Amino acid sequence: MSCESLILDDKSRAYTIPHEQVFEETATVTHEAYTGRIGEDKLFYLRSRGLSEEEARSLIVLGYFHDIMVNLPVEYVSIFNKAIELELSRMGGVG
């Protein structure tokens, strides 16, 4: 299992409370949780492919919403993307 949270400002917090209920005595179970800022390595990768820093940050953040957006009608996805980019631009120039 993998759990990732994205922190976009100094006020945000993410709390992960793992709960695993395993009834198989021979099973090996682990939990992984990660919370943090956008990694410099991810930004470098996208910037080395021609994206600006703002475009790279926006792409990474929008990637967190992918699982939700694939289930929305196409016309809502466009509106959703614009709303997220507008909000991100208010938080520091992303979007």
C-alpha atoms as a PDB file:
ATOM      1  CA  MET A   1       0.000   0.000   0.000  1.00  0.00           C
ATOM      2  CA  SER A   2       1.232   3.474  -0.770  1.00  0.00           C
ATOM      3  CA  CYS A   3      -0.154   6.730   0.571  1.00  0.00           C
ATOM      4  CA  GLU A   4       1.054  10.139  -0.601  1.00  0.00           C
ATOM      5  CA  SER A   5       0.000  13.609   0.486  1.00  0.00           C
ATOM      6  CA  LEU A   6       0.940  16.891  -1.136  1.00  0.00           C
ATOM      7  CA  ILE A   7       1.660  19.942   1.017  1.00  0.00           C
ATOM      8  CA  LEU A   8       1.220  23.198  -0.928  1.00  0.00           C
ATOM      9  CA  ASP A   9       1.796  25.818   1.782  1.00  0.00           C
ATOM     10  CA  ASP A  10       3.161  26.308   5.304  1.00  0.00           C
ATOM     11  CA  LYS A  11      -0.287  26.067   6.931  1.00  0.00           C
ATOM     12  CA  SER A  12      -1.358  22.705   5.477  1.00  0.00           C
ATOM     13  CA  ARG A  13      -0.933  19.455   7.361  1.00  0.00           C
ATOM     14  CA  ALA A  14      -1.533  15.818   6.450  1.00  0.00           C
ATOM     15  CA  TYR A  15      -2.025  13.073   8.987  1.00  0.00           C
ATOM     16  CA  THR A  16      -1.826   9.433   8.058  1.00  0.00           C
ATOM     17  CA  ILE A  17      -3.304   6.928  10.448  1.00  0.00           C
ATOM     18  CA  PRO A  18      -2.538   3.474   9.095  1.00  0.00           C
ATOM     19  CA  HIS A  19      -4.966   0.705   9.837  1.00  0.00           C
ATOM     20  CA  GLU A  20      -4.349  -2.803   8.636  1.00  0.00           C
ATOM     21  CA  GLN A  21      -6.451  -5.740   9.606  1.00  0.00           C
ATOM     22  CA  VAL A  22      -4.856  -9.011   8.559  1.00  0.00           C
ATOM     23  CA  PHE A  23      -6.311 -12.398   9.375  1.00  0.00           C
ATOM     24  CA  GLU A  24      -3.662 -14.491   7.602  1.00  0.00           C
ATOM     25  CA  GLU A  25      -0.991 -15.514  10.105  1.00  0.00           C
ATOM     26  CA  THR A  26       1.678 -16.098   7.442  1.00  0.00           C
ATOM     27  CA  ALA A  27       1.169 -12.766   5.648  1.00  0.00           C
ATOM     28  CA  THR A  28       3.770 -10.017   5.744  1.00  0.00           C
ATOM     29  CA  VAL A  29       2.128  -6.585   5.708  1.00  0.00           C
ATOM     30  CA  THR A  30       3.758  -3.167   5.622  1.00  0.00           C
ATOM     31  CA  HIS A  31       2.460   0.387   5.405  1.00  0.00           C
ATOM     32  CA  GLU A  32       4.109   3.278   3.605  1.00  0.00           C
ATOM     33  CA  ALA A  33       3.050   6.898   3.918  1.00  0.00           C
ATOM     34  CA  TYR A  34       4.744   9.953   2.485  1.00  0.00           C
ATOM     35  CA  THR A  35       3.952  13.607   3.005  1.00  0.00           C
ATOM     36  CA  GLY A  36       5.998  16.440   1.645  1.00  0.00           C
ATOM     37  CA  ARG A  37       6.581  19.187  -0.819  1.00  0.00           C
ATOM     38  CA  ILE A  38       7.066  18.652  -4.523  1.00  0.00           C
ATOM     39  CA  GLY A  39      10.439  17.007  -4.999  1.00  0.00           C
ATOM     40  CA  GLU A  40      13.191  18.951  -6.705  1.00  0.00           C
ATOM     41  CA  ASP A  41      14.018  15.831  -8.739  1.00  0.00           C
ATOM     42  CA  LYS A  42      10.497  15.784 -10.206  1.00  0.00           C
ATOM     43  CA  LEU A  43      10.691  19.477 -11.052  1.00  0.00           C
ATOM     44  CA  PHE A  44      14.132  19.019 -12.623  1.00  0.00           C
ATOM     45  CA  TYR A  45      12.881  16.122 -14.744  1.00  0.00           C
ATOM     46  CA  LEU A  46       9.944  18.097 -16.140  1.00  0.00           C
ATOM     47  CA  ARG A  47      11.943  21.306 -16.585  1.00  0.00           C
ATOM     48  CA  SER A  48      14.626  19.397 -18.506  1.00  0.00           C
ATOM     49  CA  ARG A  49      11.879  18.488 -20.967  1.00  0.00           C
ATOM     50  CA  GLY A  50      11.022  22.091 -21.702  1.00  0.00           C
ATOM     51  CA  LEU A  51       8.363  22.963 -19.124  1.00  0.00           C
ATOM     52  CA  SER A  52       8.573  26.108 -17.028  1.00  0.00           C
ATOM     53  CA  GLU A  53       8.698  25.675 -13.257  1.00  0.00           C
ATOM     54  CA  GLU A  54       5.060  26.806 -12.979  1.00  0.00           C
ATOM     55  CA  GLU A  55       3.950  24.344 -15.669  1.00  0.00           C
ATOM     56  CA  ALA A  56       5.876  21.531 -13.983  1.00  0.00           C
ATOM     57  CA  ARG A  57       4.346  22.267 -10.566  1.00  0.00           C
ATOM     58  CA  SER A  58       0.875  22.471 -12.056  1.00  0.00           C
ATOM     59  CA  LEU A  59       1.300  19.163 -13.877  1.00  0.00           C
ATOM     60  CA  ILE A  60       2.475  17.412 -10.709  1.00  0.00           C
ATOM     61  CA  VAL A  61      -0.385  18.795  -8.618  1.00  0.00           C
ATOM     62  CA  LEU A  62      -3.003  17.982 -11.264  1.00  0.00           C
ATOM     63  CA  GLY A  63      -1.628  14.437 -11.332  1.00  0.00           C
ATOM     64  CA  TYR A  64      -2.935  13.957  -7.796  1.00  0.00           C
ATOM     65  CA  PHE A  65      -6.456  14.517  -9.115  1.00  0.00           C
ATOM     66  CA  HIS A  66      -6.162  12.114 -12.065  1.00  0.00           C
ATOM     67  CA  ASP A  67      -8.146   9.264 -10.452  1.00  0.00           C
ATOM     68  CA  ILE A  68     -11.040  11.621  -9.775  1.00  0.00           C
ATOM     69  CA  MET A  69     -11.003  13.328 -13.148  1.00  0.00           C
ATOM     70  CA  VAL A  70     -11.061  10.141 -15.239  1.00  0.00           C
ATOM     71  CA  ASN A  71     -14.529   9.452 -13.853  1.00  0.00           C
ATOM     72  CA  LEU A  72     -15.915  12.916 -14.630  1.00  0.00           C
ATOM     73  CA  PRO A  73     -17.632  13.936 -17.859  1.00  0.00           C
ATOM     74  CA  VAL A  74     -15.206  15.655 -20.247  1.00  0.00           C
ATOM     75  CA  GLU A  75     -16.826  19.075 -19.895  1.00  0.00           C
ATOM     76  CA  TYR A  76     -16.385  18.956 -16.099  1.00  0.00           C
ATOM     77  CA  VAL A  77     -12.692  18.027 -16.370  1.00  0.00           C
ATOM     78  CA  SER A  78     -11.922  21.264 -18.192  1.00  0.00           C
ATOM     79  CA  ILE A  79     -13.759  23.332 -15.570  1.00  0.00           C
ATOM     80  CA  PHE A  80     -12.133  21.369 -12.738  1.00  0.00           C
ATOM     81  CA  ASN A  81      -8.646  21.931 -14.208  1.00  0.00           C
ATOM     82  CA  LYS A  82      -9.245  25.673 -14.564  1.00  0.00           C
ATOM     83  CA  ALA A  83     -10.550  25.946 -10.984  1.00  0.00           C
ATOM     84  CA  ILE A  84      -7.526  24.095  -9.602  1.00  0.00           C
ATOM     85  CA  GLU A  85      -5.089  26.176 -11.654  1.00  0.00           C
ATOM     86  CA  LEU A  86      -6.790  29.386 -10.513  1.00  0.00           C
ATOM     87  CA  GLU A  87      -6.560  28.326  -6.878  1.00  0.00           C
ATOM     88  CA  LEU A  88      -2.922  27.283  -7.288  1.00  0.00           C
ATOM     89  CA  SER A  89      -2.074  30.614  -8.888  1.00  0.00           C
ATOM     90  CA  ARG A  90      -3.482  32.370  -5.824  1.00  0.00           C
ATOM     91  CA  MET A  91      -1.245  30.237  -3.597  1.00  0.00           C
ATOM     92  CA  GLY A  92       2.026  31.118  -5.232  1.00  0.00           C
ATOM     93  CA  GLY A  93       2.086  31.425  -8.969  1.00  0.00           C
ATOM     94  CA  VAL A  94       1.405  27.830  -9.964  1.00  0.00           C
ATOM     95  CA  GLY A  95      -1.031  27.337 -12.792  1.00  0.00           C
END
